[in-house]
């Protein structure tokens, strides 16, 4: 069973805004300037309530409660900036979407591979450490093709690739 969150989404966002500025990364020609001592962050590991199937639960958090029989949208949020990620989370909760988070393209790729065909939408930052959004998107698309080729019959025909939306905080014409 998933943990019950006691803080509202707005409280989480306010807490992130009040953190010291030391955690922000400087930009150099549109690429993060990484501190060598900074270790990659892990994906949140909060699971959904168990479903009737034997499928591995997604590492996602729930937004608003859903009516029985109502379809759900699983969204993968990929953002290295904690404040921007919290803003996306607030929107997911308000919309009632289920979501998982990743802090870089490699985490996104691994989460996507661990849960094939589970995410309908990926909101992907394009400028991140470890692996950027462009490379992650290419590798996710490659994985989707490989995964679809493992399916048989109706499942292969019904398979739909995820919609991947590029996000950026860069304010330049080249972004």
N, C-alpha and C. Protein backbone atom coordinates (compact mmCIF):
# COMPACT_ATOMS: atom_id res chain seq x y z
N UNK A 1 0.83 -1.17 0.00
CA UNK A 1 0.00 0.00 0.00
C UNK A 1 0.88 1.24 0.00
N UNK A 2 0.52 2.26 -0.69
CA UNK A 2 1.31 3.49 -0.78
C UNK A 2 1.21 4.31 0.49
N UNK A 3 2.20 5.12 0.73
CA UNK A 3 2.20 6.01 1.88
C UNK A 3 1.19 7.13 1.65
N UNK A 4 0.56 7.57 2.73
CA UNK A 4 -0.37 8.69 2.64
C UNK A 4 0.43 9.96 2.89
N UNK A 5 0.33 10.90 1.99
CA UNK A 5 1.06 12.16 2.14
C UNK A 5 0.26 13.09 3.04
N UNK A 6 0.94 13.69 4.03
CA UNK A 6 0.25 14.56 4.97
C UNK A 6 0.32 16.02 4.58
N UNK A 7 1.28 16.41 3.75
CA UNK A 7 1.40 17.80 3.33
C UNK A 7 0.67 18.00 2.01
N UNK A 8 0.13 19.17 1.83
CA UNK A 8 -0.50 19.48 0.55
C UNK A 8 0.58 19.73 -0.49
N UNK A 9 0.21 19.66 -1.74
CA UNK A 9 1.16 19.91 -2.82
C UNK A 9 1.71 21.33 -2.75
N UNK A 10 0.86 22.28 -2.34
CA UNK A 10 1.33 23.66 -2.22
C UNK A 10 2.38 23.80 -1.12
N UNK A 11 2.19 23.06 0.01
CA UNK A 11 3.18 23.10 1.10
C UNK A 11 4.51 22.55 0.62
N UNK A 12 4.48 21.48 -0.19
CA UNK A 12 5.71 20.90 -0.73
C UNK A 12 6.44 21.93 -1.59
N UNK A 13 5.68 22.63 -2.43
CA UNK A 13 6.28 23.63 -3.31
C UNK A 13 6.89 24.77 -2.49
N UNK A 14 6.18 25.23 -1.45
CA UNK A 14 6.71 26.29 -0.59
C UNK A 14 7.99 25.84 0.11
N UNK A 15 8.05 24.59 0.56
CA UNK A 15 9.25 24.08 1.22
C UNK A 15 10.43 24.08 0.26
N UNK A 16 10.18 23.72 -1.01
CA UNK A 16 11.26 23.71 -2.00
C UNK A 16 11.76 25.13 -2.28
N UNK A 17 10.84 26.09 -2.32
CA UNK A 17 11.22 27.48 -2.61
C UNK A 17 12.11 28.06 -1.51
N UNK A 18 11.92 27.59 -0.26
CA UNK A 18 12.65 28.14 0.87
C UNK A 18 13.99 27.46 1.12
N UNK A 19 14.37 26.48 0.31
CA UNK A 19 15.67 25.82 0.47
C UNK A 19 16.78 26.77 0.05
N UNK A 20 17.99 26.58 0.61
CA UNK A 20 19.12 27.43 0.22
C UNK A 20 19.41 27.32 -1.27
N UNK A 21 19.94 28.39 -1.84
CA UNK A 21 20.25 28.46 -3.26
C UNK A 21 21.48 27.65 -3.64
N UNK A 22 22.22 27.10 -2.67
CA UNK A 22 23.48 26.41 -2.96
C UNK A 22 23.28 25.21 -3.87
N UNK A 23 22.08 24.63 -3.88
CA UNK A 23 21.84 23.44 -4.69
C UNK A 23 21.63 23.73 -6.16
N UNK A 24 21.50 24.98 -6.56
CA UNK A 24 21.26 25.32 -7.96
C UNK A 24 22.53 25.12 -8.78
N UNK A 25 22.36 24.67 -10.01
CA UNK A 25 23.49 24.45 -10.90
C UNK A 25 23.66 25.67 -11.80
N UNK A 26 24.88 26.07 -12.00
CA UNK A 26 25.15 27.18 -12.92
C UNK A 26 25.11 26.66 -14.34
N UNK A 27 24.68 27.50 -15.26
CA UNK A 27 24.63 27.10 -16.65
C UNK A 27 25.80 27.70 -17.40
N UNK A 28 26.39 26.90 -18.28
CA UNK A 28 27.51 27.36 -19.10
C UNK A 28 27.19 26.95 -20.53
N UNK A 29 26.84 27.90 -21.35
CA UNK A 29 26.44 27.62 -22.74
C UNK A 29 25.30 26.62 -22.80
N UNK A 30 24.36 26.69 -21.86
CA UNK A 30 23.19 25.82 -21.90
C UNK A 30 23.41 24.45 -21.31
N UNK A 31 24.59 24.17 -20.76
CA UNK A 31 24.85 22.86 -20.16
C UNK A 31 25.15 23.03 -18.68
N UNK A 32 24.63 22.11 -17.83
CA UNK A 32 24.87 22.24 -16.40
C UNK A 32 26.36 22.11 -16.08
N UNK A 33 26.80 22.88 -15.13
CA UNK A 33 28.17 22.81 -14.64
C UNK A 33 28.13 21.96 -13.38
N UNK A 34 28.49 20.70 -13.46
CA UNK A 34 28.32 19.77 -12.35
C UNK A 34 29.49 19.82 -11.39
N UNK A 35 29.18 19.76 -10.11
CA UNK A 35 30.19 19.63 -9.08
C UNK A 35 30.56 18.15 -9.03
N UNK A 36 31.85 17.83 -9.03
CA UNK A 36 32.29 16.44 -9.07
C UNK A 36 31.81 15.66 -7.86
N UNK A 37 31.59 16.32 -6.73
CA UNK A 37 31.16 15.63 -5.52
C UNK A 37 29.66 15.33 -5.52
N UNK A 38 28.94 15.90 -6.48
CA UNK A 38 27.49 15.71 -6.49
C UNK A 38 27.14 14.34 -7.05
N UNK A 39 26.45 13.54 -6.28
CA UNK A 39 26.07 12.19 -6.69
C UNK A 39 24.70 12.23 -7.35
N UNK A 40 24.43 11.32 -8.30
CA UNK A 40 23.10 11.26 -8.91
C UNK A 40 22.04 10.98 -7.85
N UNK A 41 20.87 11.57 -8.04
CA UNK A 41 19.78 11.35 -7.11
C UNK A 41 18.95 10.16 -7.54
N UNK A 42 18.25 9.55 -6.61
CA UNK A 42 17.43 8.37 -6.87
C UNK A 42 15.99 8.78 -7.15
N UNK A 43 15.28 7.93 -7.88
CA UNK A 43 13.86 8.14 -8.14
C UNK A 43 13.08 7.85 -6.86
N UNK A 44 12.05 8.66 -6.59
CA UNK A 44 11.19 8.39 -5.44
C UNK A 44 10.64 6.98 -5.56
N UNK A 45 10.54 6.27 -4.45
CA UNK A 45 10.10 4.89 -4.48
C UNK A 45 8.80 4.74 -3.71
N UNK A 46 7.76 5.40 -4.18
CA UNK A 46 6.45 5.30 -3.57
C UNK A 46 5.57 4.53 -4.55
N UNK A 47 4.93 3.47 -4.07
CA UNK A 47 4.19 2.58 -4.97
C UNK A 47 2.68 2.81 -4.88
N UNK A 48 2.00 2.45 -5.95
CA UNK A 48 0.54 2.48 -6.00
C UNK A 48 -0.05 1.40 -5.12
N UNK A 49 -1.33 1.51 -4.85
CA UNK A 49 -2.02 0.42 -4.20
C UNK A 49 -1.95 -0.78 -5.13
N UNK A 50 -1.85 -2.01 -4.58
CA UNK A 50 -1.73 -3.18 -5.45
C UNK A 50 -2.95 -3.30 -6.36
N UNK A 51 -2.69 -3.67 -7.61
CA UNK A 51 -3.77 -3.90 -8.57
C UNK A 51 -4.06 -5.39 -8.60
N UNK A 52 -5.13 -5.76 -9.28
CA UNK A 52 -5.51 -7.16 -9.35
C UNK A 52 -4.55 -7.98 -10.19
N UNK A 53 -3.78 -7.34 -11.06
CA UNK A 53 -2.85 -8.07 -11.92
C UNK A 53 -1.57 -8.37 -11.16
N UNK A 54 -0.73 -9.21 -11.75
CA UNK A 54 0.56 -9.56 -11.15
C UNK A 54 1.66 -8.60 -11.58
N UNK A 55 1.33 -7.53 -12.26
CA UNK A 55 2.33 -6.60 -12.78
C UNK A 55 3.06 -5.90 -11.64
N UNK A 56 4.32 -5.58 -11.87
CA UNK A 56 5.11 -4.84 -10.90
C UNK A 56 4.53 -3.44 -10.76
N UNK A 57 4.28 -2.98 -9.50
CA UNK A 57 3.70 -1.65 -9.35
C UNK A 57 4.67 -0.56 -9.80
N UNK A 58 4.11 0.51 -10.34
CA UNK A 58 4.92 1.65 -10.76
C UNK A 58 5.41 2.42 -9.54
N UNK A 59 6.61 3.02 -9.63
CA UNK A 59 7.07 3.86 -8.52
C UNK A 59 6.44 5.24 -8.64
N UNK A 60 5.12 5.31 -8.47
CA UNK A 60 4.44 6.57 -8.72
C UNK A 60 3.65 7.02 -7.51
N UNK A 61 3.30 8.27 -7.52
CA UNK A 61 2.45 8.85 -6.48
C UNK A 61 1.10 9.15 -7.10
N UNK A 62 0.08 9.10 -6.29
CA UNK A 62 -1.25 9.35 -6.80
C UNK A 62 -1.64 10.80 -6.62
N UNK A 63 -2.40 11.29 -7.59
CA UNK A 63 -2.98 12.62 -7.49
C UNK A 63 -4.31 12.51 -6.78
N UNK A 64 -5.34 13.12 -7.33
CA UNK A 64 -6.66 13.09 -6.72
C UNK A 64 -7.27 11.70 -6.84
N UNK A 65 -8.21 11.36 -5.94
CA UNK A 65 -8.87 10.05 -6.03
C UNK A 65 -9.63 9.91 -7.34
N UNK A 66 -9.73 8.71 -7.85
CA UNK A 66 -10.42 8.45 -9.11
C UNK A 66 -11.70 7.67 -8.83
N UNK A 67 -12.68 7.87 -9.69
CA UNK A 67 -13.92 7.12 -9.61
C UNK A 67 -13.66 5.71 -10.13
N UNK A 68 -14.39 4.73 -9.61
CA UNK A 68 -14.21 3.36 -10.05
C UNK A 68 -14.49 3.26 -11.55
N UNK A 69 -13.61 2.58 -12.27
CA UNK A 69 -13.77 2.40 -13.71
C UNK A 69 -13.22 3.54 -14.55
N UNK A 70 -12.86 4.65 -13.92
CA UNK A 70 -12.33 5.79 -14.67
C UNK A 70 -10.89 5.49 -15.09
N UNK A 71 -10.55 5.84 -16.32
CA UNK A 71 -9.20 5.56 -16.80
C UNK A 71 -8.20 6.49 -16.12
N UNK A 72 -6.96 6.03 -16.05
CA UNK A 72 -5.91 6.84 -15.45
C UNK A 72 -4.82 7.10 -16.47
N UNK A 73 -4.10 8.16 -16.26
CA UNK A 73 -2.96 8.49 -17.11
C UNK A 73 -1.72 8.45 -16.24
N UNK A 74 -0.75 7.63 -16.63
CA UNK A 74 0.52 7.56 -15.94
C UNK A 74 1.50 8.46 -16.66
N UNK A 75 2.08 9.40 -15.92
CA UNK A 75 2.99 10.38 -16.49
C UNK A 75 4.36 10.22 -15.85
N UNK A 76 5.40 10.21 -16.68
CA UNK A 76 6.77 10.20 -16.18
C UNK A 76 7.29 11.62 -16.25
N UNK A 77 7.62 12.20 -15.09
CA UNK A 77 8.13 13.56 -15.00
C UNK A 77 9.65 13.50 -14.90
N UNK A 78 10.35 14.11 -15.85
CA UNK A 78 11.81 14.06 -15.89
C UNK A 78 12.35 15.48 -15.81
N UNK A 79 12.92 15.83 -14.67
CA UNK A 79 13.36 17.20 -14.43
C UNK A 79 14.45 17.18 -13.36
N UNK A 80 15.59 17.83 -13.63
CA UNK A 80 16.68 17.86 -12.65
C UNK A 80 16.55 19.00 -11.65
N UNK A 81 15.76 20.01 -11.94
CA UNK A 81 15.58 21.13 -11.03
C UNK A 81 14.43 20.82 -10.09
N UNK A 82 14.73 20.74 -8.78
CA UNK A 82 13.72 20.33 -7.81
C UNK A 82 12.51 21.27 -7.76
N UNK A 83 12.73 22.56 -7.92
CA UNK A 83 11.60 23.50 -7.89
C UNK A 83 10.69 23.27 -9.10
N UNK A 84 11.28 23.12 -10.28
CA UNK A 84 10.47 22.84 -11.48
C UNK A 84 9.74 21.52 -11.35
N UNK A 85 10.41 20.51 -10.75
CA UNK A 85 9.77 19.21 -10.56
C UNK A 85 8.58 19.35 -9.62
N UNK A 86 8.73 20.12 -8.55
CA UNK A 86 7.62 20.32 -7.62
C UNK A 86 6.44 21.02 -8.29
N UNK A 87 6.71 21.94 -9.18
CA UNK A 87 5.63 22.61 -9.93
C UNK A 87 4.89 21.60 -10.79
N UNK A 88 5.63 20.72 -11.48
CA UNK A 88 4.99 19.68 -12.28
C UNK A 88 4.16 18.75 -11.41
N UNK A 89 4.68 18.40 -10.24
CA UNK A 89 3.95 17.52 -9.32
C UNK A 89 2.64 18.16 -8.86
N UNK A 90 2.68 19.45 -8.55
CA UNK A 90 1.45 20.15 -8.16
C UNK A 90 0.41 20.03 -9.27
N UNK A 91 0.82 20.22 -10.52
CA UNK A 91 -0.12 20.10 -11.64
C UNK A 91 -0.64 18.68 -11.79
N UNK A 92 0.21 17.68 -11.60
CA UNK A 92 -0.23 16.28 -11.71
C UNK A 92 -1.27 15.96 -10.64
N UNK A 93 -1.02 16.42 -9.43
CA UNK A 93 -1.97 16.17 -8.33
C UNK A 93 -3.30 16.86 -8.58
N UNK A 94 -3.25 18.10 -9.03
CA UNK A 94 -4.49 18.84 -9.30
C UNK A 94 -5.29 18.17 -10.42
N UNK A 95 -4.60 17.62 -11.41
CA UNK A 95 -5.28 16.96 -12.53
C UNK A 95 -5.68 15.53 -12.18
N UNK A 96 -5.15 15.00 -11.09
CA UNK A 96 -5.49 13.64 -10.69
C UNK A 96 -4.71 12.56 -11.42
N UNK A 97 -3.61 12.92 -12.05
CA UNK A 97 -2.81 11.94 -12.78
C UNK A 97 -1.85 11.23 -11.85
N UNK A 98 -1.55 9.99 -12.19
CA UNK A 98 -0.53 9.24 -11.48
C UNK A 98 0.80 9.55 -12.14
N UNK A 99 1.87 9.58 -11.34
CA UNK A 99 3.14 9.99 -11.91
C UNK A 99 4.31 9.32 -11.22
N UNK A 100 5.41 9.26 -11.95
CA UNK A 100 6.70 8.85 -11.41
C UNK A 100 7.68 9.96 -11.75
N UNK A 101 8.78 10.04 -11.00
CA UNK A 101 9.74 11.10 -11.25
C UNK A 101 11.12 10.54 -11.53
N UNK A 102 11.89 11.28 -12.31
CA UNK A 102 13.29 10.97 -12.57
C UNK A 102 14.03 12.30 -12.63
N UNK A 103 15.29 12.31 -12.22
CA UNK A 103 16.07 13.55 -12.17
C UNK A 103 17.04 13.71 -13.32
N UNK A 104 17.11 12.72 -14.20
CA UNK A 104 17.96 12.84 -15.39
C UNK A 104 17.48 11.83 -16.42
N UNK A 105 18.02 11.93 -17.63
CA UNK A 105 17.58 11.07 -18.71
C UNK A 105 17.84 9.59 -18.49
N UNK A 106 18.94 9.26 -17.81
CA UNK A 106 19.25 7.85 -17.54
C UNK A 106 18.24 7.25 -16.58
N UNK A 107 17.89 7.98 -15.52
CA UNK A 107 16.85 7.50 -14.59
C UNK A 107 15.53 7.32 -15.33
N UNK A 108 15.21 8.24 -16.22
CA UNK A 108 13.97 8.15 -17.00
C UNK A 108 13.96 6.90 -17.86
N UNK A 109 15.06 6.66 -18.56
CA UNK A 109 15.17 5.48 -19.42
C UNK A 109 15.01 4.20 -18.61
N UNK A 110 15.69 4.12 -17.47
CA UNK A 110 15.60 2.92 -16.64
C UNK A 110 14.20 2.71 -16.08
N UNK A 111 13.54 3.79 -15.65
CA UNK A 111 12.17 3.68 -15.16
C UNK A 111 11.25 3.22 -16.28
N UNK A 112 11.42 3.78 -17.45
CA UNK A 112 10.60 3.42 -18.60
C UNK A 112 10.80 1.94 -18.96
N UNK A 113 12.04 1.48 -18.96
CA UNK A 113 12.33 0.07 -19.28
C UNK A 113 11.78 -0.87 -18.21
N UNK A 114 11.82 -0.45 -16.95
CA UNK A 114 11.31 -1.28 -15.87
C UNK A 114 9.80 -1.44 -15.92
N UNK A 115 9.12 -0.52 -16.58
CA UNK A 115 7.65 -0.53 -16.65
C UNK A 115 7.20 -0.28 -18.09
N UNK A 116 7.51 -1.21 -19.01
CA UNK A 116 7.18 -0.98 -20.43
C UNK A 116 5.68 -0.81 -20.65
N UNK A 117 5.35 0.10 -21.52
CA UNK A 117 3.97 0.38 -21.93
C UNK A 117 3.09 0.88 -20.79
N UNK A 118 3.68 1.36 -19.71
CA UNK A 118 2.89 1.87 -18.58
C UNK A 118 2.67 3.38 -18.64
N UNK A 119 3.57 4.11 -19.29
CA UNK A 119 3.47 5.56 -19.30
C UNK A 119 2.85 6.04 -20.60
N UNK A 120 1.77 6.82 -20.48
CA UNK A 120 1.14 7.40 -21.65
C UNK A 120 1.82 8.68 -22.10
N UNK A 121 2.40 9.39 -21.13
CA UNK A 121 3.04 10.67 -21.40
C UNK A 121 4.35 10.76 -20.61
N UNK A 122 5.36 11.34 -21.25
CA UNK A 122 6.63 11.66 -20.58
C UNK A 122 6.85 13.15 -20.76
N UNK A 123 6.99 13.88 -19.65
CA UNK A 123 7.36 15.29 -19.70
C UNK A 123 8.85 15.34 -19.43
N UNK A 124 9.66 15.65 -20.46
CA UNK A 124 11.12 15.49 -20.42
C UNK A 124 11.84 16.82 -20.54
N UNK A 125 12.61 17.17 -19.50
CA UNK A 125 13.50 18.33 -19.58
C UNK A 125 14.57 18.00 -20.62
N UNK A 126 15.03 18.99 -21.37
CA UNK A 126 16.03 18.69 -22.40
C UNK A 126 17.46 18.89 -21.93
N UNK A 127 17.67 19.71 -20.90
CA UNK A 127 19.02 19.99 -20.43
C UNK A 127 19.18 19.45 -19.01
N UNK A 128 19.82 18.26 -18.89
CA UNK A 128 19.99 17.62 -17.58
C UNK A 128 21.37 16.98 -17.49
N UNK A 129 21.83 16.75 -16.26
CA UNK A 129 23.11 16.05 -16.09
C UNK A 129 22.96 14.56 -16.41
N UNK A 130 24.06 13.89 -16.54
CA UNK A 130 24.18 12.45 -16.77
C UNK A 130 23.72 12.06 -18.17
N UNK A 131 22.44 12.31 -18.51
CA UNK A 131 21.93 12.08 -19.86
C UNK A 131 20.87 13.13 -20.15
N UNK A 132 21.02 13.85 -21.27
CA UNK A 132 20.05 14.90 -21.58
C UNK A 132 18.76 14.31 -22.14
N UNK A 133 17.75 15.15 -22.27
CA UNK A 133 16.44 14.72 -22.72
C UNK A 133 16.41 14.23 -24.16
N UNK A 134 17.27 14.79 -25.02
CA UNK A 134 17.30 14.35 -26.42
C UNK A 134 17.76 12.90 -26.53
N UNK A 135 18.87 12.58 -25.87
CA UNK A 135 19.40 11.22 -25.92
C UNK A 135 18.44 10.24 -25.25
N UNK A 136 17.88 10.64 -24.11
CA UNK A 136 16.93 9.78 -23.42
C UNK A 136 15.72 9.48 -24.29
N UNK A 137 15.20 10.50 -24.99
CA UNK A 137 14.05 10.31 -25.87
C UNK A 137 14.39 9.33 -27.00
N UNK A 138 15.57 9.49 -27.61
CA UNK A 138 15.98 8.56 -28.68
C UNK A 138 16.04 7.13 -28.16
N UNK A 139 16.60 6.94 -26.96
CA UNK A 139 16.74 5.59 -26.40
C UNK A 139 15.39 5.01 -25.96
N UNK A 140 14.49 5.86 -25.48
CA UNK A 140 13.14 5.39 -25.14
C UNK A 140 12.43 4.93 -26.41
N UNK A 141 12.53 5.71 -27.49
CA UNK A 141 11.90 5.32 -28.76
C UNK A 141 12.48 4.01 -29.29
N UNK A 142 13.79 3.84 -29.18
CA UNK A 142 14.43 2.60 -29.61
C UNK A 142 13.92 1.43 -28.77
N UNK A 143 13.82 1.63 -27.45
CA UNK A 143 13.31 0.59 -26.57
C UNK A 143 11.87 0.23 -26.91
N UNK A 144 11.03 1.25 -27.19
CA UNK A 144 9.63 0.98 -27.54
C UNK A 144 9.52 0.09 -28.77
N UNK A 145 10.35 0.34 -29.79
CA UNK A 145 10.34 -0.50 -30.99
C UNK A 145 10.74 -1.93 -30.66
N UNK A 146 11.80 -2.07 -29.86
CA UNK A 146 12.25 -3.41 -29.46
C UNK A 146 11.17 -4.12 -28.64
N UNK A 147 10.55 -3.39 -27.72
CA UNK A 147 9.50 -3.96 -26.88
C UNK A 147 8.30 -4.39 -27.73
N UNK A 148 7.88 -3.55 -28.66
CA UNK A 148 6.74 -3.86 -29.51
C UNK A 148 7.00 -5.14 -30.31
N UNK A 149 8.24 -5.35 -30.74
CA UNK A 149 8.58 -6.55 -31.50
C UNK A 149 8.53 -7.82 -30.66
N UNK A 150 8.50 -7.69 -29.33
CA UNK A 150 8.38 -8.88 -28.47
C UNK A 150 6.92 -9.26 -28.25
N UNK A 151 5.99 -8.38 -28.63
CA UNK A 151 4.57 -8.63 -28.42
C UNK A 151 4.00 -9.47 -29.56
N UNK A 152 2.92 -10.19 -29.26
CA UNK A 152 2.26 -11.02 -30.26
C UNK A 152 0.81 -10.60 -30.45
N UNK A 153 0.27 -10.92 -31.61
CA UNK A 153 -1.15 -10.76 -31.90
C UNK A 153 -1.71 -9.39 -31.60
N UNK A 154 -2.88 -9.38 -30.91
CA UNK A 154 -3.58 -8.12 -30.65
C UNK A 154 -2.75 -7.13 -29.81
N UNK A 155 -1.96 -7.64 -28.89
CA UNK A 155 -1.15 -6.75 -28.05
C UNK A 155 -0.19 -5.92 -28.90
N UNK A 156 0.36 -6.55 -29.93
CA UNK A 156 1.30 -5.84 -30.81
C UNK A 156 0.58 -4.73 -31.57
N UNK A 157 -0.65 -5.02 -32.03
CA UNK A 157 -1.42 -4.03 -32.78
C UNK A 157 -1.93 -2.90 -31.89
N UNK A 158 -2.22 -3.20 -30.63
CA UNK A 158 -2.76 -2.21 -29.71
C UNK A 158 -1.69 -1.34 -29.05
N UNK A 159 -0.44 -1.75 -29.17
CA UNK A 159 0.64 -1.00 -28.51
C UNK A 159 0.70 0.43 -29.02
N UNK A 160 0.76 1.37 -28.10
CA UNK A 160 0.87 2.80 -28.44
C UNK A 160 2.12 3.37 -27.79
N UNK A 161 3.01 3.99 -28.57
CA UNK A 161 4.18 4.62 -27.95
C UNK A 161 3.75 5.81 -27.08
N UNK A 162 4.55 6.11 -26.09
CA UNK A 162 4.27 7.24 -25.20
C UNK A 162 4.39 8.56 -25.95
N UNK A 163 3.62 9.53 -25.54
CA UNK A 163 3.78 10.89 -26.03
C UNK A 163 4.87 11.54 -25.20
N UNK A 164 5.94 12.01 -25.84
CA UNK A 164 7.04 12.64 -25.12
C UNK A 164 7.03 14.13 -25.43
N UNK A 165 6.91 14.93 -24.38
CA UNK A 165 6.86 16.39 -24.51
C UNK A 165 8.17 16.96 -23.96
N UNK A 166 8.87 17.74 -24.79
CA UNK A 166 10.13 18.36 -24.36
C UNK A 166 9.84 19.60 -23.53
N UNK A 167 10.57 19.74 -22.42
CA UNK A 167 10.46 20.91 -21.55
C UNK A 167 11.82 21.59 -21.48
N UNK A 168 11.82 22.90 -21.34
CA UNK A 168 13.09 23.60 -21.12
C UNK A 168 12.85 24.86 -20.32
N UNK A 169 13.84 25.20 -19.52
CA UNK A 169 13.81 26.45 -18.78
C UNK A 169 14.76 27.46 -19.41
N UNK A 170 15.39 27.06 -20.51
CA UNK A 170 16.35 27.94 -21.18
C UNK A 170 15.60 28.99 -21.99
N UNK A 171 16.06 30.20 -21.92
CA UNK A 171 15.40 31.30 -22.63
C UNK A 171 16.28 31.77 -23.78
N UNK A 172 16.42 30.91 -24.79
CA UNK A 172 17.21 31.31 -25.96
C UNK A 172 16.54 30.77 -27.21
N UNK A 173 16.84 31.34 -28.34
CA UNK A 173 16.24 30.90 -29.61
C UNK A 173 16.65 29.48 -29.94
N UNK A 174 17.86 29.05 -29.56
CA UNK A 174 18.32 27.71 -29.90
C UNK A 174 17.66 26.64 -29.05
N UNK A 175 17.10 27.01 -27.90
CA UNK A 175 16.44 26.03 -27.04
C UNK A 175 15.12 25.64 -27.66
